[in-house]
Every structure is written in C-alpha cells, then in structure tokens.
Amino acid sequence: SSDKKVKRIFIFFSTVFKLKLFNFVTSVLSKKKFKDLKIDYIIGNISKKKTTELKKRLPGNFKLLPKSKDLYKIMKKSSFAIGSGGTNTWERINLALPSIVFCIAPNQKDICDFLNKKKFFNYLGTDKKCSKSQLYSAICDMIDNFKEKKEIALQNKYLIDGYGTKRISFFLNEK
C-alpha cells in the first residue's frame, strides 16, 4: 500500500518448505513489537494438517497461505516483503515492494550480490548465517525508515521493463 506506515508484511521464500527458515523468521516476527502488523506467510508445498499445526504456534496476526493463492494480489496489499533471491525478487521489484532478502540457494548468490550492490533490497546473506538480531534490526529499520525505502523501491521499479532476459544475460556476462 502507498501508505506511509508499515501495516502488512509479505513473506515468501520458495515453494519448497524449509522448517528451520520458517521457525527462524516467525520467531523474530512473533515478538510483541510486531503484534499490530498483519503477516502473510506463503508456505508453499505442505499439507493442510501441517499448516494447521504450524499456525497453532503463531500469534493471531499471522496468516499462513498456500502458494496457489494469488501472490500478486497479496503483494500489492503489502508494505514490504521478506523473501529469497529467487524469481519472486523480480516480481517484488516490479511492484516496488521494499524487501529484506536471504540467499537460500547457491544459484541465487550472484543475483543477490548484484542487486544488493545496487541497493535494490536489504540483503542479509544466507539464511544459515543470519542471526535473529540481524533480522530483527532489518525489520525495525524497514519500519522506521519506510517512506525512504518505498521511494527507493519506486525508483528501482523502472529496471523491470520487459527487456529482462537481455538485461540478465548482460549482468551475468559482465563479471
């Protein structure tokens, strides 16, 4: 939303569910400080039963959603995102959705490093090396400086214009 205040967070890492990553992110976002934020966590391919079990451990401001949900609609309603350096990165940039990003697979590293250098998102490195306090600080920074982060995201949006494959091959051959 174009609002000046953070109200809703979109979380999506990949269709592959990683329990450790889920526990890490939700433990930080379960803190009292974030209780007034709506949190949409897209959890990917796990059973309804497992989803219900996970939901029981979380505060009421969390919504766990399957990947089949309309991600675009959910992202459009969100203030910012937490995710990985996968293909959803480009969709978030296109929607001018400020993001906190983890590299969760080796094939994401080059893109993450490149976009981080260009200040496209707040990059926290690999999910395995990031501490809870680093993630907590990144979320607080996003909330405290949201207006500025949104402005940067709006400027960055113009990178996405339909010439993506040409541009990506240029970036990857530029090394």
Protein backbone atom coordinates (compact mmCIF):
# COMPACT_ATOMS: atom_id res chain seq x y z
CA SER A 1 0.00 0.00 0.00
CA SER A 2 1.17 3.53 -0.71
CA ASP A 3 0.62 4.40 2.94
CA LYS A 4 3.48 5.92 4.91
CA LYS A 5 3.23 3.35 7.67
CA VAL A 6 4.01 -0.36 7.63
CA LYS A 7 0.86 -2.41 8.11
CA ARG A 8 1.38 -5.69 6.31
CA ILE A 9 4.34 -7.96 5.59
CA PHE A 10 4.52 -10.46 2.73
CA ILE A 11 6.78 -13.47 3.31
CA PHE A 12 7.67 -15.98 0.60
CA PHE A 13 10.87 -17.97 0.19
CA SER A 14 10.07 -20.69 -2.28
CA THR A 15 7.61 -23.47 -2.94
CA VAL A 16 9.97 -25.78 -1.07
CA PHE A 17 9.10 -25.57 2.63
CA LYS A 18 12.08 -25.18 4.96
CA LEU A 19 11.04 -25.63 8.57
CA LYS A 20 14.25 -24.16 10.00
CA LEU A 21 13.86 -20.97 7.98
CA PHE A 22 10.16 -20.77 8.88
CA ASN A 23 10.95 -21.11 12.60
CA PHE A 24 13.74 -18.55 12.36
CA VAL A 25 11.63 -15.87 10.64
CA THR A 26 8.44 -16.45 12.65
CA SER A 27 10.28 -16.42 15.99
CA VAL A 28 11.56 -12.90 15.21
CA LEU A 29 8.20 -11.66 13.88
CA SER A 30 6.34 -13.14 16.85
CA LYS A 31 7.87 -10.50 19.14
CA LYS A 32 5.46 -8.09 20.84
CA LYS A 33 6.85 -5.17 18.86
CA PHE A 34 5.30 -6.53 15.66
CA LYS A 35 1.93 -7.65 17.05
CA ASP A 36 -0.03 -4.94 15.19
CA LEU A 37 1.30 -5.92 11.77
CA LYS A 38 -0.58 -8.31 9.51
CA ILE A 39 1.75 -11.05 8.33
CA ASP A 40 1.02 -13.12 5.23
CA TYR A 41 3.39 -16.08 5.10
CA ILE A 42 3.21 -18.07 1.85
CA ILE A 43 4.38 -21.51 2.88
CA GLY A 44 4.50 -23.47 -0.35
CA ASN A 45 4.03 -27.20 -0.63
CA ILE A 46 2.97 -28.65 2.71
CA SER A 47 -0.18 -30.43 3.82
CA LYS A 48 -3.20 -28.72 5.35
CA LYS A 49 -2.61 -30.72 8.53
CA LYS A 50 0.98 -29.47 8.83
CA THR A 51 -0.16 -25.90 8.09
CA THR A 52 -2.71 -26.11 10.93
CA GLU A 53 -0.01 -27.40 13.32
CA LEU A 54 2.34 -24.53 12.42
CA LYS A 55 -0.45 -21.95 12.75
CA LYS A 56 -1.17 -23.05 16.34
CA ARG A 57 2.31 -21.92 17.41
CA LEU A 58 1.94 -18.41 16.00
CA PRO A 59 0.28 -15.21 17.18
CA GLY A 60 -3.09 -14.31 15.64
CA ASN A 61 -1.65 -11.67 13.28
CA PHE A 62 -0.08 -14.40 11.10
CA LYS A 63 -1.85 -15.88 8.07
CA LEU A 64 -0.33 -18.99 6.54
CA LEU A 65 -1.23 -19.28 2.88
CA PRO A 66 -0.59 -21.92 0.21
CA LYS A 67 1.42 -20.96 -2.87
CA SER A 68 -1.69 -21.35 -5.05
CA LYS A 69 -3.08 -18.11 -3.63
CA ASP A 70 -2.82 -15.06 -5.85
CA LEU A 71 0.65 -13.82 -4.85
CA TYR A 72 0.31 -10.67 -6.92
CA LYS A 73 -2.83 -9.55 -5.03
CA ILE A 74 -1.24 -10.31 -1.67
CA MET A 75 1.99 -8.48 -2.58
CA LYS A 76 0.05 -5.43 -3.80
CA LYS A 77 -1.57 -5.11 -0.35
CA SER A 78 1.76 -5.44 1.48
CA SER A 79 4.05 -2.73 2.84
CA PHE A 80 7.22 -4.77 2.44
CA ALA A 81 8.44 -8.31 1.88
CA ILE A 82 10.82 -10.83 3.37
CA GLY A 83 11.99 -13.44 0.87
CA SER A 84 14.73 -15.13 -1.05
CA GLY A 85 16.73 -14.18 -4.11
CA GLY A 86 14.62 -16.39 -6.37
CA THR A 87 12.30 -15.37 -9.21
CA ASN A 88 9.87 -13.64 -6.84
CA THR A 89 12.61 -10.98 -6.41
CA TRP A 90 11.77 -9.58 -9.85
CA GLU A 91 8.05 -9.50 -9.10
CA ARG A 92 8.72 -7.62 -5.86
CA ILE A 93 10.94 -5.11 -7.67
CA ASN A 94 8.27 -4.70 -10.35
CA LEU A 95 5.66 -3.96 -7.66
CA ALA A 96 8.02 -1.52 -5.87
CA LEU A 97 7.79 -3.70 -2.78
CA PRO A 98 10.75 -2.99 -0.47
CA SER A 99 12.33 -6.29 0.61
CA ILE A 100 14.56 -7.98 3.11
CA VAL A 101 16.26 -10.82 1.27
CA PHE A 102 18.11 -14.05 2.10
CA CYS A 103 20.07 -16.18 -0.32
CA ILE A 104 18.64 -19.67 0.22
CA ALA A 105 20.24 -21.46 -2.76
CA PRO A 106 23.66 -21.25 -4.46
CA ASN A 107 22.08 -20.19 -7.78
CA GLN A 108 20.74 -17.01 -6.11
CA LYS A 109 24.09 -15.73 -4.90
CA ASP A 110 25.19 -13.71 -7.96
CA ILE A 111 21.81 -12.02 -8.37
CA CYS A 112 21.64 -11.24 -4.63
CA ASP A 113 25.15 -9.78 -4.61
CA PHE A 114 24.49 -7.70 -7.71
CA LEU A 115 21.10 -6.32 -6.60
CA ASN A 116 22.45 -5.68 -3.12
CA LYS A 117 25.30 -3.58 -4.55
CA LYS A 118 22.71 -1.55 -6.43
CA LYS A 119 20.68 -1.15 -3.19
CA PHE A 120 17.63 -2.98 -4.53
CA PHE A 121 16.91 -4.57 -1.17
CA ASN A 122 18.25 -5.13 2.29
CA TYR A 123 20.38 -8.24 1.84
CA LEU A 124 21.08 -10.38 4.90
CA GLY A 125 23.26 -13.00 3.19
CA THR A 126 22.45 -16.68 3.54
CA ASP A 127 19.64 -17.75 5.84
CA LYS A 128 22.09 -20.03 7.66
CA LYS A 129 24.49 -17.23 8.62
CA CYS A 130 21.96 -14.59 9.64
CA SER A 131 21.22 -14.09 13.34
CA LYS A 132 17.84 -13.32 14.87
CA SER A 133 19.11 -9.93 16.00
CA GLN A 134 20.20 -9.06 12.43
CA LEU A 135 16.76 -9.92 11.08
CA TYR A 136 15.07 -8.05 13.95
CA SER A 137 17.18 -4.95 13.19
CA ALA A 138 16.43 -5.18 9.47
CA ILE A 139 12.67 -5.32 10.14
CA CYS A 140 12.87 -2.38 12.59
CA ASP A 141 14.91 -0.42 10.04
CA MET A 142 12.28 -1.14 7.37
CA ILE A 143 9.51 0.09 9.69
CA ASP A 144 11.39 3.17 10.96
CA ASN A 145 12.57 4.29 7.52
CA PHE A 146 9.66 3.01 5.47
CA LYS A 147 8.97 6.21 3.50
CA GLU A 148 12.56 6.31 2.25
CA LYS A 149 12.62 2.54 1.48
CA LYS A 150 9.39 2.86 -0.50
CA GLU A 151 10.78 5.78 -2.52
CA ILE A 152 13.90 3.76 -3.42
CA ALA A 153 11.69 0.79 -4.40
CA LEU A 154 9.60 3.07 -6.64
CA GLN A 155 12.76 4.30 -8.39
CA ASN A 156 14.07 0.74 -8.79
CA LYS A 157 10.80 -0.46 -10.30
CA TYR A 158 11.82 1.06 -13.62
CA LEU A 159 14.53 -1.55 -14.03
CA ILE A 160 11.79 -4.04 -14.92
CA ASP A 161 10.52 -3.17 -18.37
CA GLY A 162 10.21 -6.34 -20.42
CA TYR A 163 13.85 -6.48 -21.52
CA GLY A 164 14.69 -8.72 -18.57
CA THR A 165 16.32 -11.62 -20.39
CA LYS A 166 18.60 -9.29 -22.35
CA ARG A 167 19.50 -7.41 -19.19
CA ILE A 168 20.10 -10.52 -17.09
CA SER A 169 22.39 -12.03 -19.72
CA PHE A 170 24.25 -8.70 -19.80
CA PHE A 171 24.63 -8.71 -15.98
CA LEU A 172 25.76 -12.31 -15.86
CA ASN A 173 28.29 -11.82 -18.66
CA GLU A 174 29.59 -8.62 -17.10
CA LYS A 175 31.72 -10.31 -14.40
